[in-house]
C-alpha atoms as a PDB file:
ATOM      1  CA  MET A   1      84.755 113.819  96.368  1.00  0.00           C
ATOM      2  CA  LYS A   2      86.750 112.172  93.418  1.00  0.00           C
ATOM      3  CA  ASP A   3      88.333 108.842  93.399  1.00  0.00           C
ATOM      4  CA  ASN A   4      91.312 108.374  95.152  1.00  0.00           C
ATOM      5  CA  LEU A   5      93.246 106.566  93.017  1.00  0.00           C
ATOM      6  CA  ILE A   6      96.290 105.616  94.971  1.00  0.00           C
ATOM      7  CA  GLN A   7      93.324 103.686  97.644  1.00  0.00           C
ATOM      8  CA  GLN A   8      92.177 102.306  94.660  1.00  0.00           C
ATOM      9  CA  LYS A   9      95.027 100.628  93.422  1.00  0.00           C
ATOM     10  CA  SER A  10      96.422  99.672  96.675  1.00  0.00           C
ATOM     11  CA  TYR A  11      92.615  97.998  97.954  1.00  0.00           C
ATOM     12  CA  ASP A  12      93.013  95.613  94.672  1.00  0.00           C
ATOM     13  CA  PHE A  13      96.552  95.137  94.624  1.00  0.00           C
ATOM     14  CA  THR A  14      95.850  93.496  98.186  1.00  0.00           C
ATOM     15  CA  LEU A  15      92.821  91.222  97.382  1.00  0.00           C
ATOM     16  CA  GLN A  16      95.118  90.104  94.182  1.00  0.00           C
ATOM     17  CA  ILE A  17      97.977  89.388  96.817  1.00  0.00           C
ATOM     18  CA  ILE A  18      95.589  87.750  98.828  1.00  0.00           C
ATOM     19  CA  VAL A  19      94.748  85.259  96.027  1.00  0.00           C
ATOM     20  CA  LEU A  20      98.195  84.524  95.307  1.00  0.00           C
ATOM     21  CA  TYR A  21      98.839  83.973  99.161  1.00  0.00           C
ATOM     22  CA  ARG A  22      96.008  81.100  99.251  1.00  0.00           C
ATOM     23  CA  LYS A  23      97.741  79.758  95.649  1.00  0.00           C
ATOM     24  CA  LEU A  24     100.580  79.359  97.613  1.00  0.00           C
ATOM     25  CA  CYS A  25      99.200  78.067 100.450  1.00  0.00           C
ATOM     26  CA  LYS A  26      98.082  74.921  98.545  1.00  0.00           C
ATOM     27  CA  ALA A  27     100.856  74.433  97.734  1.00  0.00           C
ATOM     28  CA  ASN A  28     102.295  73.809 100.782  1.00  0.00           C
ATOM     29  CA  GLU A  29     104.563  77.058 100.939  1.00  0.00           C
ATOM     30  CA  TYR A  30     104.027  78.776 104.064  1.00  0.00           C
ATOM     31  CA  VAL A  31     107.294  80.936 104.933  1.00  0.00           C
ATOM     32  CA  LEU A  32     107.807  83.273 101.520  1.00  0.00           C
ATOM     33  CA  SER A  33     103.836  83.054 101.220  1.00  0.00           C
ATOM     34  CA  LYS A  34     103.392  84.477 104.715  1.00  0.00           C
ATOM     35  CA  GLN A  35     106.302  87.876 103.856  1.00  0.00           C
ATOM     36  CA  LEU A  36     104.022  88.451 100.534  1.00  0.00           C
ATOM     37  CA  LEU A  37     101.090  88.456 102.618  1.00  0.00           C
ATOM     38  CA  ARG A  38     102.044  90.486 105.392  1.00  0.00           C
ATOM     39  CA  SER A  39     104.520  93.303 103.356  1.00  0.00           C
ATOM     40  CA  GLY A  40     101.672  92.840 100.157  1.00  0.00           C
ATOM     41  CA  THR A  41      98.291  93.629 102.757  1.00  0.00           C
ATOM     42  CA  SER A  42     100.296  96.111 104.785  1.00  0.00           C
ATOM     43  CA  ILE A  43     100.408  99.081 101.523  1.00  0.00           C
ATOM     44  CA  GLY A  44      96.787  99.480 101.183  1.00  0.00           C
ATOM     45  CA  ALA A  45      96.502  99.101 105.202  1.00  0.00           C
ATOM     46  CA  ASN A  46      99.488 102.342 105.460  1.00  0.00           C
ATOM     47  CA  VAL A  47      97.306 103.863 102.524  1.00  0.00           C
ATOM     48  CA  GLU A  48      94.382 104.366 104.355  1.00  0.00           C
ATOM     49  CA  GLU A  49      96.098 105.110 107.548  1.00  0.00           C
ATOM     50  CA  ALA A  50      97.962 108.392 105.337  1.00  0.00           C
ATOM     51  CA  GLN A  51      94.585 109.392 104.583  1.00  0.00           C
ATOM     52  CA  ALA A  52      93.677 110.287 108.404  1.00  0.00           C
ATOM     53  CA  GLY A  53      96.933 111.913 108.846  1.00  0.00           C
ATOM     54  CA  GLN A  54      97.068 114.196 111.925  1.00  0.00           C
ATOM     55  CA  SER A  55      99.792 116.523 109.604  1.00  0.00           C
ATOM     56  CA  ARG A  56     101.971 116.713 106.536  1.00  0.00           C
ATOM     57  CA  ALA A  57     104.538 114.782 108.106  1.00  0.00           C
ATOM     58  CA  ASP A  58     102.275 111.900 109.541  1.00  0.00           C
ATOM     59  CA  PHE A  59     101.052 111.776 105.975  1.00  0.00           C
ATOM     60  CA  VAL A  60     104.270 111.777 104.182  1.00  0.00           C
ATOM     61  CA  SER A  61     105.481 108.799 106.924  1.00  0.00           C
ATOM     62  CA  LYS A  62     102.422 106.603 106.224  1.00  0.00           C
ATOM     63  CA  ILE A  63     102.909 107.154 102.472  1.00  0.00           C
ATOM     64  CA  SER A  64     106.505 106.742 102.833  1.00  0.00           C
ATOM     65  CA  ILE A  65     106.332 103.592 104.605  1.00  0.00           C
ATOM     66  CA  ALA A  66     103.586 102.209 101.919  1.00  0.00           C
ATOM     67  CA  SER A  67     106.052 102.799  99.122  1.00  0.00           C
ATOM     68  CA  LYS A  68     108.413 100.406 101.894  1.00  0.00           C
ATOM     69  CA  GLU A  69     106.254  97.786 101.693  1.00  0.00           C
ATOM     70  CA  ALA A  70     105.626  97.909  98.412  1.00  0.00           C
ATOM     71  CA  ARG A  71     109.420  97.553  97.512  1.00  0.00           C
ATOM     72  CA  GLU A  72     109.462  94.798 100.051  1.00  0.00           C
ATOM     73  CA  THR A  73     106.334  92.950  98.176  1.00  0.00           C
ATOM     74  CA  ASN A  74     108.428  93.189  94.915  1.00  0.00           C
ATOM     75  CA  TYR A  75     111.405  91.555  96.423  1.00  0.00           C
ATOM     76  CA  TRP A  76     109.109  88.574  97.718  1.00  0.00           C
ATOM     77  CA  LEU A  77     107.135  88.591  93.820  1.00  0.00           C
ATOM     78  CA  ARG A  78     110.575  88.515  92.822  1.00  0.00           C
ATOM     79  CA  LEU A  79     112.187  86.162  94.909  1.00  0.00           C
ATOM     80  CA  LEU A  80     108.964  83.658  94.210  1.00  0.00           C
ATOM     81  CA  ARG A  81     109.479  83.861  90.314  1.00  0.00           C
ATOM     82  CA  ASP A  82     113.835  83.377  90.800  1.00  0.00           C
ATOM     83  CA  SER A  83     113.191  80.753  92.682  1.00  0.00           C
ATOM     84  CA  LYS A  84     110.720  78.745  90.325  1.00  0.00           C
ATOM     85  CA  ILE A  85     108.047  78.730  92.638  1.00  0.00           C
ATOM     86  CA  LEU A  86     105.418  80.387  90.653  1.00  0.00           C
ATOM     87  CA  ASP A  87     105.697  80.747  87.218  1.00  0.00           C
ATOM     88  CA  GLU A  88     106.438  83.847  84.966  1.00  0.00           C
ATOM     89  CA  ALA A  89     102.882  84.454  84.192  1.00  0.00           C
ATOM     90  CA  ASP A  90     101.721  84.440  87.667  1.00  0.00           C
ATOM     91  CA  VAL A  91     103.912  86.648  88.923  1.00  0.00           C
ATOM     92  CA  LYS A  92     104.503  89.296  86.406  1.00  0.00           C
ATOM     93  CA  PRO A  93     100.744  91.069  86.850  1.00  0.00           C
ATOM     94  CA  LEU A  94     101.693  91.208  89.834  1.00  0.00           C
ATOM     95  CA  LEU A  95     105.221  92.827  89.367  1.00  0.00           C
ATOM     96  CA  LEU A  96     103.994  95.266  87.100  1.00  0.00           C
ATOM     97  CA  GLU A  97     101.010  96.500  89.267  1.00  0.00           C
ATOM     98  CA  SER A  98     103.606  96.433  92.538  1.00  0.00           C
ATOM     99  CA  ASP A  99     105.319  98.633  90.146  1.00  0.00           C
ATOM    100  CA  ALA A 100     102.497 101.026  89.174  1.00  0.00           C
ATOM    101  CA  ILE A 101     101.681 101.560  92.784  1.00  0.00           C
ATOM    102  CA  ILE A 102     105.988 102.251  93.540  1.00  0.00           C
ATOM    103  CA  ARG A 103     105.649 105.031  91.088  1.00  0.00           C
ATOM    104  CA  ILE A 104     102.087 106.543  92.557  1.00  0.00           C
ATOM    105  CA  LEU A 105     103.750 106.716  95.991  1.00  0.00           C
ATOM    106  CA  THR A 106     107.088 108.444  95.056  1.00  0.00           C
ATOM    107  CA  SER A 107     105.664 111.003  93.480  1.00  0.00           C
ATOM    108  CA  ILE A 108     102.883 111.576  96.275  1.00  0.00           C
ATOM    109  CA  VAL A 109     105.669 111.596  98.836  1.00  0.00           C
ATOM    110  CA  LYS A 110     108.211 114.345  96.614  1.00  0.00           C
ATOM    111  CA  SER A 111     104.959 116.193  95.243  1.00  0.00           C
ATOM    112  CA  THR A 112     103.877 116.989  99.570  1.00  0.00           C
ATOM    113  CA  SER A 113     106.797 116.924 100.711  1.00  0.00           C
ATOM    114  CA  GLN A 114     108.027 120.158  98.456  1.00  0.00           C
ATOM    115  CA  SER A 115     104.359 121.739  99.125  1.00  0.00           C
ATOM    116  CA  ASN A 116     104.018 124.391 101.725  1.00  0.00           C
ATOM    117  CA  PRO A 117     105.507 122.339 104.850  1.00  0.00           C
ATOM    118  CA  LYS A 118     103.164 124.540 107.012  1.00  0.00           C
ATOM    119  CA  SER A 119     100.497 124.453 105.494  1.00  0.00           C
ATOM    120  CA  LYS A 120      98.080 120.864 107.298  1.00  0.00           C
ATOM    121  CA  ILE A 121      96.215 118.424 106.116  1.00  0.00           C
ATOM    122  CA  GLN A 122      91.980 118.656 106.371  1.00  0.00           C
ATOM    123  CA  ASN A 123      90.341 115.828 107.010  1.00  0.00           C
ATOM    124  CA  SER A 124      92.532 113.439 104.532  1.00  0.00           C
ATOM    125  CA  LYS A 125      91.512 115.615 101.602  1.00  0.00           C
ATOM    126  CA  LEU A 126      94.428 115.178  99.599  1.00  0.00           C
ATOM    127  CA  ASP A 127      93.335 113.081  96.601  1.00  0.00           C
ATOM    128  CA  PHE A 128      96.345 112.634  94.260  1.00  0.00           C
ATOM    129  CA  LEU A 129      95.891 111.258  90.595  1.00  0.00           C
END
C-alpha cells in the first residue's frame, strides 16, 4: 500500500503544533495555545477518521472538517504572530505547512465530490496524492 500523503503531513504537523504548544505554555500563554492545540490536533484526527468513512459522503464530511480545522489553525498562528506573542520565525514554517495542508484537503474534497457519487469507499483505500 502506498503512503497516504495527507495522513503523514497532518500527523507531522500535529507533532509540530504540540512542540509549539509546549513552548507557549512555558511562556505562560495558555488561552490561545489551547485553541491552537485543539484545532491543530483535530486536523489529523479527522483525516484518520475519514480513512474509515462509511460512505463517500462520510469521507468528504470528515475531510471537510479537517480542512476547516486547518484554516482555524492558520488563524490562530497568524494571531499569535501578529500579536507578537510569537516571532515570525516560529510561525512562518507552520503557516506554510498549514497552507499546504489546506490546499491538499481542498483538492481531495473537490476530486472526491466530482467523482461518481454512487460509488462507495472500500476499506478506506482512497490514497490521494
